[in-house]
């Protein structure tokens, strides 16, 4: 028989008692866990990086780098606190990487196009822009 003055030997609290305020079992699938703010920021910045390709070429690469940084910070924080938002962090990381690559390729493309056009202008510019006086031997005008 069990002595009523001794605490029970099982690990569960007595029936009807509640856990301390703010306690969340990280392994309870039905417990409310808020979304990680850094994961949300990473997703928003990653999508904005891709969306700004034609509006802010080059500047979107900075936005994409920020998305990558926020995603990495979100992964660490989610692992420690068991918050929701891992999929948003993955989406922000992927969109940030794609945004950076697209912006870098777009800026390289623009620089190459400008370089080729300037090189063509410097080589053939005199032919197109400077009038030349040529006398035609068959012409009656002098």
N, C-alpha and C. Protein backbone atom coordinates (compact mmCIF):
# COMPACT_ATOMS: atom_id res chain seq x y z
N UNK A 1 0.83 -1.17 0.00
CA UNK A 1 0.00 0.00 0.00
C UNK A 1 0.88 1.24 0.00
N UNK A 2 0.36 2.28 -0.60
CA UNK A 2 1.13 3.49 -0.80
C UNK A 2 0.86 4.47 0.34
N UNK A 3 1.92 5.07 0.83
CA UNK A 3 1.78 6.06 1.89
C UNK A 3 1.25 7.36 1.28
N UNK A 4 0.17 7.96 1.77
CA UNK A 4 -0.39 9.18 1.17
C UNK A 4 0.52 10.39 1.35
N UNK A 5 1.48 10.33 2.25
CA UNK A 5 2.39 11.46 2.44
C UNK A 5 3.56 11.44 1.48
N UNK A 6 3.77 10.34 0.78
CA UNK A 6 4.87 10.22 -0.17
C UNK A 6 4.40 10.68 -1.56
N UNK A 7 5.27 11.37 -2.31
CA UNK A 7 4.88 11.76 -3.68
C UNK A 7 4.80 10.53 -4.58
N UNK A 8 3.97 10.57 -5.58
CA UNK A 8 3.86 9.42 -6.48
C UNK A 8 5.15 9.22 -7.26
N UNK A 9 5.40 7.98 -7.68
CA UNK A 9 6.65 7.66 -8.36
C UNK A 9 6.56 7.77 -9.88
N UNK A 10 5.44 8.17 -10.40
CA UNK A 10 5.34 8.30 -11.85
C UNK A 10 5.67 9.74 -12.25
N UNK A 11 5.95 9.95 -13.53
CA UNK A 11 6.43 11.25 -13.99
C UNK A 11 5.31 12.20 -14.38
N UNK A 12 4.08 11.73 -14.48
CA UNK A 12 2.99 12.60 -14.87
C UNK A 12 2.47 13.38 -13.68
N UNK A 13 2.01 14.60 -13.93
CA UNK A 13 1.43 15.37 -12.82
C UNK A 13 0.08 14.76 -12.43
N UNK A 14 -0.38 15.05 -11.25
CA UNK A 14 -1.68 14.50 -10.82
C UNK A 14 -2.79 14.96 -11.76
N UNK A 15 -3.84 14.16 -11.80
CA UNK A 15 -4.96 14.44 -12.68
C UNK A 15 -5.58 15.79 -12.34
N UNK A 16 -5.79 16.62 -13.38
CA UNK A 16 -6.42 17.92 -13.18
C UNK A 16 -5.43 19.05 -13.01
N UNK A 17 -4.17 18.75 -12.79
CA UNK A 17 -3.20 19.83 -12.64
C UNK A 17 -2.76 20.30 -14.03
N UNK A 18 -2.29 21.51 -14.10
CA UNK A 18 -1.87 22.08 -15.36
C UNK A 18 -0.36 22.32 -15.34
N UNK A 19 0.26 22.28 -16.50
CA UNK A 19 1.70 22.58 -16.54
C UNK A 19 1.93 24.06 -16.24
N UNK A 20 3.14 24.43 -15.92
CA UNK A 20 3.43 25.83 -15.62
C UNK A 20 3.11 26.72 -16.82
N UNK A 21 2.84 27.98 -16.55
CA UNK A 21 2.48 28.93 -17.59
C UNK A 21 3.63 29.04 -18.60
N UNK A 22 3.29 29.00 -19.88
CA UNK A 22 4.29 29.14 -20.93
C UNK A 22 4.95 27.85 -21.33
N UNK A 23 4.66 26.76 -20.64
CA UNK A 23 5.29 25.49 -20.98
C UNK A 23 4.69 24.94 -22.26
N UNK A 24 5.57 24.51 -23.16
CA UNK A 24 5.14 23.85 -24.39
C UNK A 24 5.99 22.61 -24.58
N UNK A 25 5.33 21.52 -24.74
CA UNK A 25 6.04 20.29 -25.03
C UNK A 25 6.49 20.36 -26.49
N UNK A 26 7.79 20.37 -26.76
CA UNK A 26 8.25 20.52 -28.15
C UNK A 26 7.89 19.33 -29.02
N UNK A 27 7.52 18.22 -28.43
CA UNK A 27 7.20 17.03 -29.20
C UNK A 27 5.70 16.81 -29.35
N UNK A 28 4.90 17.71 -28.80
CA UNK A 28 3.46 17.59 -28.93
C UNK A 28 3.05 18.15 -30.29
N UNK A 29 2.50 17.31 -31.18
CA UNK A 29 2.18 17.81 -32.52
C UNK A 29 1.01 18.77 -32.54
N UNK A 30 0.22 18.83 -31.48
CA UNK A 30 -0.94 19.70 -31.46
C UNK A 30 -0.69 20.98 -30.67
N UNK A 31 0.48 21.13 -30.12
CA UNK A 31 0.78 22.34 -29.36
C UNK A 31 0.94 23.52 -30.31
N UNK A 32 0.49 24.67 -29.87
CA UNK A 32 0.63 25.88 -30.68
C UNK A 32 2.08 26.33 -30.67
N UNK A 33 2.63 26.46 -31.84
CA UNK A 33 3.99 26.98 -31.98
C UNK A 33 3.93 28.13 -32.98
N UNK A 34 4.39 29.28 -32.59
CA UNK A 34 4.33 30.43 -33.51
C UNK A 34 5.33 30.27 -34.66
N UNK A 35 5.06 30.99 -35.74
CA UNK A 35 5.98 31.00 -36.86
C UNK A 35 7.20 31.83 -36.52
N UNK A 36 8.32 31.43 -37.05
CA UNK A 36 9.56 32.15 -36.82
C UNK A 36 9.57 33.41 -37.68
N UNK A 37 9.84 34.53 -37.08
CA UNK A 37 9.85 35.81 -37.80
C UNK A 37 10.96 35.91 -38.83
N UNK A 38 12.10 35.33 -38.51
CA UNK A 38 13.22 35.37 -39.45
C UNK A 38 12.93 34.53 -40.70
N UNK A 39 12.18 33.44 -40.52
CA UNK A 39 11.80 32.61 -41.67
C UNK A 39 10.83 33.37 -42.57
N UNK A 40 9.91 34.10 -41.98
CA UNK A 40 8.98 34.92 -42.77
C UNK A 40 9.75 35.99 -43.52
N UNK A 41 10.69 36.65 -42.84
CA UNK A 41 11.49 37.69 -43.48
C UNK A 41 12.33 37.11 -44.62
N UNK A 42 12.89 35.91 -44.41
CA UNK A 42 13.69 35.28 -45.47
C UNK A 42 12.84 35.00 -46.70
N UNK A 43 11.63 34.50 -46.50
CA UNK A 43 10.76 34.21 -47.64
C UNK A 43 10.35 35.48 -48.38
N UNK A 44 9.99 36.51 -47.64
CA UNK A 44 9.59 37.77 -48.26
C UNK A 44 10.76 38.39 -49.03
N UNK A 45 11.94 38.40 -48.43
CA UNK A 45 13.11 38.97 -49.10
C UNK A 45 13.52 38.14 -50.31
N UNK A 46 13.42 36.82 -50.23
CA UNK A 46 13.77 35.97 -51.36
C UNK A 46 12.85 36.20 -52.55
N UNK A 47 11.55 36.28 -52.30
CA UNK A 47 10.60 36.55 -53.38
C UNK A 47 10.81 37.95 -53.93
N UNK A 48 11.07 38.92 -53.07
CA UNK A 48 11.32 40.29 -53.52
C UNK A 48 12.59 40.38 -54.35
N UNK A 49 13.57 39.55 -54.04
CA UNK A 49 14.81 39.55 -54.81
C UNK A 49 14.56 39.10 -56.25
N UNK A 50 13.75 38.07 -56.42
CA UNK A 50 13.43 37.61 -57.77
C UNK A 50 12.53 38.62 -58.47
N UNK A 51 11.56 39.17 -57.76
CA UNK A 51 10.61 40.10 -58.37
C UNK A 51 11.27 41.41 -58.80
N UNK A 52 12.35 41.78 -58.16
CA UNK A 52 13.00 43.06 -58.47
C UNK A 52 14.04 42.96 -59.58
N UNK A 53 14.04 41.87 -60.32
CA UNK A 53 15.07 41.66 -61.34
C UNK A 53 15.08 42.76 -62.38
N UNK A 54 13.93 43.14 -62.90
CA UNK A 54 13.89 44.14 -63.96
C UNK A 54 13.70 45.56 -63.45
N UNK A 55 13.33 45.69 -62.17
CA UNK A 55 13.12 47.02 -61.62
C UNK A 55 14.38 47.57 -60.94
N UNK A 56 15.08 46.71 -60.25
CA UNK A 56 16.29 47.12 -59.53
C UNK A 56 17.43 46.14 -59.81
N UNK A 57 17.93 46.11 -61.03
CA UNK A 57 18.99 45.13 -61.30
C UNK A 57 20.24 45.43 -60.47
N UNK A 58 20.75 44.42 -59.86
CA UNK A 58 21.92 44.58 -59.00
C UNK A 58 21.53 44.77 -57.55
N UNK A 59 20.57 45.66 -57.27
CA UNK A 59 20.15 45.89 -55.90
C UNK A 59 19.41 44.68 -55.34
N UNK A 60 18.75 43.94 -56.20
CA UNK A 60 18.05 42.73 -55.78
C UNK A 60 19.00 41.65 -55.28
N UNK A 61 20.26 41.71 -55.72
CA UNK A 61 21.26 40.75 -55.22
C UNK A 61 21.50 40.98 -53.74
N UNK A 62 21.49 42.23 -53.32
CA UNK A 62 21.66 42.54 -51.90
C UNK A 62 20.46 42.01 -51.11
N UNK A 63 19.28 42.16 -51.68
CA UNK A 63 18.07 41.64 -51.03
C UNK A 63 18.15 40.12 -50.93
N UNK A 64 18.66 39.47 -51.99
CA UNK A 64 18.80 38.01 -51.97
C UNK A 64 19.81 37.55 -50.94
N UNK A 65 20.90 38.29 -50.78
CA UNK A 65 21.90 37.94 -49.76
C UNK A 65 21.30 38.07 -48.37
N UNK A 66 20.49 39.11 -48.17
CA UNK A 66 19.81 39.25 -46.87
C UNK A 66 18.84 38.09 -46.64
N UNK A 67 18.18 37.63 -47.69
CA UNK A 67 17.27 36.49 -47.55
C UNK A 67 18.03 35.23 -47.14
N UNK A 68 19.21 35.03 -47.71
CA UNK A 68 20.03 33.87 -47.35
C UNK A 68 20.46 33.96 -45.90
N UNK A 69 20.87 35.14 -45.47
CA UNK A 69 21.32 35.32 -44.08
C UNK A 69 20.16 35.07 -43.11
N UNK A 70 18.99 35.64 -43.40
CA UNK A 70 17.84 35.43 -42.53
C UNK A 70 17.42 33.97 -42.50
N UNK A 71 17.52 33.27 -43.62
CA UNK A 71 17.15 31.85 -43.66
C UNK A 71 18.09 31.03 -42.78
N UNK A 72 19.38 31.31 -42.85
CA UNK A 72 20.34 30.57 -42.02
C UNK A 72 20.09 30.84 -40.54
N UNK A 73 19.84 32.10 -40.19
CA UNK A 73 19.52 32.42 -38.80
C UNK A 73 18.22 31.76 -38.35
N UNK A 74 17.26 31.70 -39.25
CA UNK A 74 15.97 31.06 -38.92
C UNK A 74 16.15 29.57 -38.68
N UNK A 75 16.98 28.90 -39.50
CA UNK A 75 17.22 27.47 -39.29
C UNK A 75 17.79 27.22 -37.89
N UNK A 76 18.76 28.02 -37.49
CA UNK A 76 19.36 27.84 -36.16
C UNK A 76 18.34 28.09 -35.06
N UNK A 77 17.55 29.14 -35.20
CA UNK A 77 16.57 29.47 -34.17
C UNK A 77 15.45 28.44 -34.10
N UNK A 78 15.02 27.94 -35.25
CA UNK A 78 13.95 26.92 -35.27
C UNK A 78 14.44 25.63 -34.62
N UNK A 79 15.68 25.29 -34.85
CA UNK A 79 16.22 24.07 -34.25
C UNK A 79 16.29 24.19 -32.73
N UNK A 80 16.59 25.37 -32.22
CA UNK A 80 16.71 25.55 -30.78
C UNK A 80 15.35 25.70 -30.10
N UNK A 81 14.42 26.40 -30.73
CA UNK A 81 13.16 26.72 -30.06
C UNK A 81 11.98 25.87 -30.51
N UNK A 82 12.15 25.04 -31.53
CA UNK A 82 11.09 24.18 -32.07
C UNK A 82 9.89 24.99 -32.55
N UNK A 83 10.16 26.14 -33.17
CA UNK A 83 9.10 26.96 -33.72
C UNK A 83 8.73 26.45 -35.11
N UNK A 84 7.61 26.92 -35.64
CA UNK A 84 7.22 26.61 -37.01
C UNK A 84 7.95 27.55 -37.96
N UNK A 85 8.02 27.16 -39.23
CA UNK A 85 8.58 28.05 -40.24
C UNK A 85 9.76 27.47 -40.98
N UNK A 86 10.04 26.18 -40.79
CA UNK A 86 11.19 25.60 -41.48
C UNK A 86 11.00 25.64 -42.99
N UNK A 87 9.78 25.36 -43.46
CA UNK A 87 9.53 25.38 -44.90
C UNK A 87 9.63 26.80 -45.47
N UNK A 88 9.23 27.79 -44.69
CA UNK A 88 9.39 29.17 -45.15
C UNK A 88 10.86 29.55 -45.24
N UNK A 89 11.65 29.06 -44.30
CA UNK A 89 13.08 29.34 -44.34
C UNK A 89 13.72 28.66 -45.55
N UNK A 90 13.29 27.45 -45.87
CA UNK A 90 13.81 26.76 -47.06
C UNK A 90 13.42 27.54 -48.32
N UNK A 91 12.17 27.98 -48.39
CA UNK A 91 11.73 28.77 -49.54
C UNK A 91 12.49 30.08 -49.67
N UNK A 92 12.74 30.74 -48.54
CA UNK A 92 13.52 31.98 -48.56
C UNK A 92 14.95 31.74 -49.00
N UNK A 93 15.53 30.63 -48.54
CA UNK A 93 16.90 30.30 -48.94
C UNK A 93 16.98 30.03 -50.43
N UNK A 94 16.06 29.23 -50.95
CA UNK A 94 16.07 28.89 -52.38
C UNK A 94 15.81 30.14 -53.23
N UNK A 95 14.81 30.92 -52.86
CA UNK A 95 14.51 32.14 -53.62
C UNK A 95 15.65 33.15 -53.54
N UNK A 96 16.30 33.23 -52.38
CA UNK A 96 17.43 34.14 -52.25
C UNK A 96 18.60 33.74 -53.13
N UNK A 97 18.90 32.45 -53.17
CA UNK A 97 20.00 31.97 -54.02
C UNK A 97 19.66 32.20 -55.49
N UNK A 98 18.44 31.87 -55.90
CA UNK A 98 18.04 32.09 -57.29
C UNK A 98 18.06 33.58 -57.63
N UNK A 99 17.59 34.41 -56.72
CA UNK A 99 17.60 35.86 -56.95
C UNK A 99 19.00 36.41 -57.12
N UNK A 100 19.92 35.97 -56.27
CA UNK A 100 21.31 36.44 -56.39
C UNK A 100 21.91 36.01 -57.72
N UNK A 101 21.70 34.74 -58.08
CA UNK A 101 22.25 34.25 -59.35
C UNK A 101 21.65 34.99 -60.54
N UNK A 102 20.34 35.20 -60.54
CA UNK A 102 19.72 35.92 -61.65
C UNK A 102 20.23 37.35 -61.76
N UNK A 103 20.38 38.03 -60.63
CA UNK A 103 20.87 39.40 -60.67
C UNK A 103 22.32 39.47 -61.14
N UNK A 104 23.14 38.56 -60.68
CA UNK A 104 24.53 38.57 -61.11
C UNK A 104 24.62 38.29 -62.62
N UNK A 105 23.87 37.31 -63.10
CA UNK A 105 23.88 37.02 -64.53
C UNK A 105 23.31 38.18 -65.35
N UNK A 106 22.27 38.83 -64.84
CA UNK A 106 21.67 39.95 -65.56
C UNK A 106 22.64 41.12 -65.64
N UNK A 107 23.33 41.42 -64.55
CA UNK A 107 24.29 42.53 -64.55
C UNK A 107 25.47 42.20 -65.48
N UNK A 108 25.95 40.96 -65.46
CA UNK A 108 27.02 40.56 -66.37
C UNK A 108 26.55 40.70 -67.82
N UNK A 109 25.31 40.30 -68.10
CA UNK A 109 24.76 40.42 -69.45
C UNK A 109 24.72 41.88 -69.89
N UNK A 110 24.26 42.75 -69.02
CA UNK A 110 24.18 44.18 -69.35
C UNK A 110 25.57 44.75 -69.59
N UNK A 111 26.54 44.40 -68.75
CA UNK A 111 27.91 44.91 -68.91
C UNK A 111 28.51 44.41 -70.23
N UNK A 112 28.28 43.16 -70.57
CA UNK A 112 28.80 42.62 -71.83
C UNK A 112 28.15 43.32 -73.02
N UNK A 113 26.85 43.52 -72.97
CA UNK A 113 26.17 44.21 -74.08
C UNK A 113 26.69 45.63 -74.23
N UNK A 114 26.86 46.35 -73.14
CA UNK A 114 27.38 47.71 -73.22
C UNK A 114 28.82 47.69 -73.72
N UNK A 115 29.63 46.75 -73.24
CA UNK A 115 31.01 46.66 -73.70
C UNK A 115 31.11 46.35 -75.18
N UNK A 116 30.28 45.45 -75.67
CA UNK A 116 30.30 45.11 -77.11
C UNK A 116 29.84 46.31 -77.94
N UNK A 117 28.82 46.99 -77.47
CA UNK A 117 28.34 48.14 -78.25
C UNK A 117 29.35 49.28 -78.24
N UNK A 118 30.03 49.50 -77.13
CA UNK A 118 31.06 50.54 -77.11
C UNK A 118 32.25 50.16 -77.97
N UNK A 119 32.61 48.90 -77.97
CA UNK A 119 33.72 48.45 -78.81
C UNK A 119 33.35 48.59 -80.28
N UNK A 120 32.13 48.26 -80.63
CA UNK A 120 31.69 48.41 -82.01
C UNK A 120 31.65 49.88 -82.40
N UNK A 121 31.24 50.75 -81.49
CA UNK A 121 31.21 52.18 -81.78
C UNK A 121 32.62 52.73 -81.96
N UNK A 122 33.57 52.28 -81.13
CA UNK A 122 34.93 52.81 -81.25
C UNK A 122 35.61 52.30 -82.51
N UNK A 123 35.29 51.12 -82.97
CA UNK A 123 35.91 50.59 -84.19
C UNK A 123 35.28 51.16 -85.45
N UNK A 124 33.98 51.28 -85.48
CA UNK A 124 33.28 51.67 -86.69
C UNK A 124 32.56 53.00 -86.57
N UNK A 125 32.80 53.72 -85.52
CA UNK A 125 32.08 54.96 -85.31
C UNK A 125 32.34 55.99 -86.38
N UNK A 126 33.57 56.06 -86.89
CA UNK A 126 33.89 57.06 -87.91
C UNK A 126 33.13 56.77 -89.20
N UNK A 127 32.91 55.53 -89.51
CA UNK A 127 32.19 55.19 -90.73
C UNK A 127 30.73 55.61 -90.65
N UNK A 128 30.17 55.59 -89.47
CA UNK A 128 28.75 55.87 -89.34
C UNK A 128 28.45 57.34 -89.09
N UNK A 129 29.32 58.00 -88.36
CA UNK A 129 28.95 59.32 -87.87
C UNK A 129 29.67 60.47 -88.56
N UNK A 130 30.83 60.26 -89.09
CA UNK A 130 31.55 61.37 -89.74
C UNK A 130 31.27 61.35 -91.24
N UNK A 131 30.82 62.46 -91.75
CA UNK A 131 30.59 62.49 -93.19
C UNK A 131 31.93 62.49 -93.94
N UNK A 132 31.97 61.77 -94.97
CA UNK A 132 33.19 61.71 -95.78
C UNK A 132 32.92 62.34 -97.13
N UNK A 133 33.90 63.04 -97.62
CA UNK A 133 33.77 63.68 -98.92
C UNK A 133 34.49 62.81 -99.94
N UNK A 134 33.74 62.18 -100.73
CA UNK A 134 34.32 61.37 -101.80
C UNK A 134 33.85 61.94 -103.13
N UNK A 135 34.77 62.04 -103.99
CA UNK A 135 34.40 62.52 -105.32
C UNK A 135 34.23 61.33 -106.23
N UNK A 136 33.12 61.33 -106.84
CA UNK A 136 32.82 60.24 -107.76
C UNK A 136 33.30 60.66 -109.14
N UNK A 137 34.04 59.82 -109.79
CA UNK A 137 34.61 60.16 -111.10
C UNK A 137 33.53 60.26 -112.16
N UNK A 138 32.40 59.63 -111.93
CA UNK A 138 31.32 59.67 -112.90
C UNK A 138 30.36 60.81 -112.65
N UNK A 139 30.60 61.55 -111.60
CA UNK A 139 29.68 62.62 -111.24
C UNK A 139 30.08 63.91 -111.93
N UNK A 140 29.09 64.72 -112.32
CA UNK A 140 29.36 66.02 -112.93
C UNK A 140 29.47 67.11 -111.90
N UNK A 141 29.12 66.83 -110.68
CA UNK A 141 29.17 67.86 -109.62
C UNK A 141 30.53 67.86 -108.98
N UNK A 142 31.07 69.09 -108.81
CA UNK A 142 32.38 69.22 -108.16
C UNK A 142 32.26 69.94 -106.89
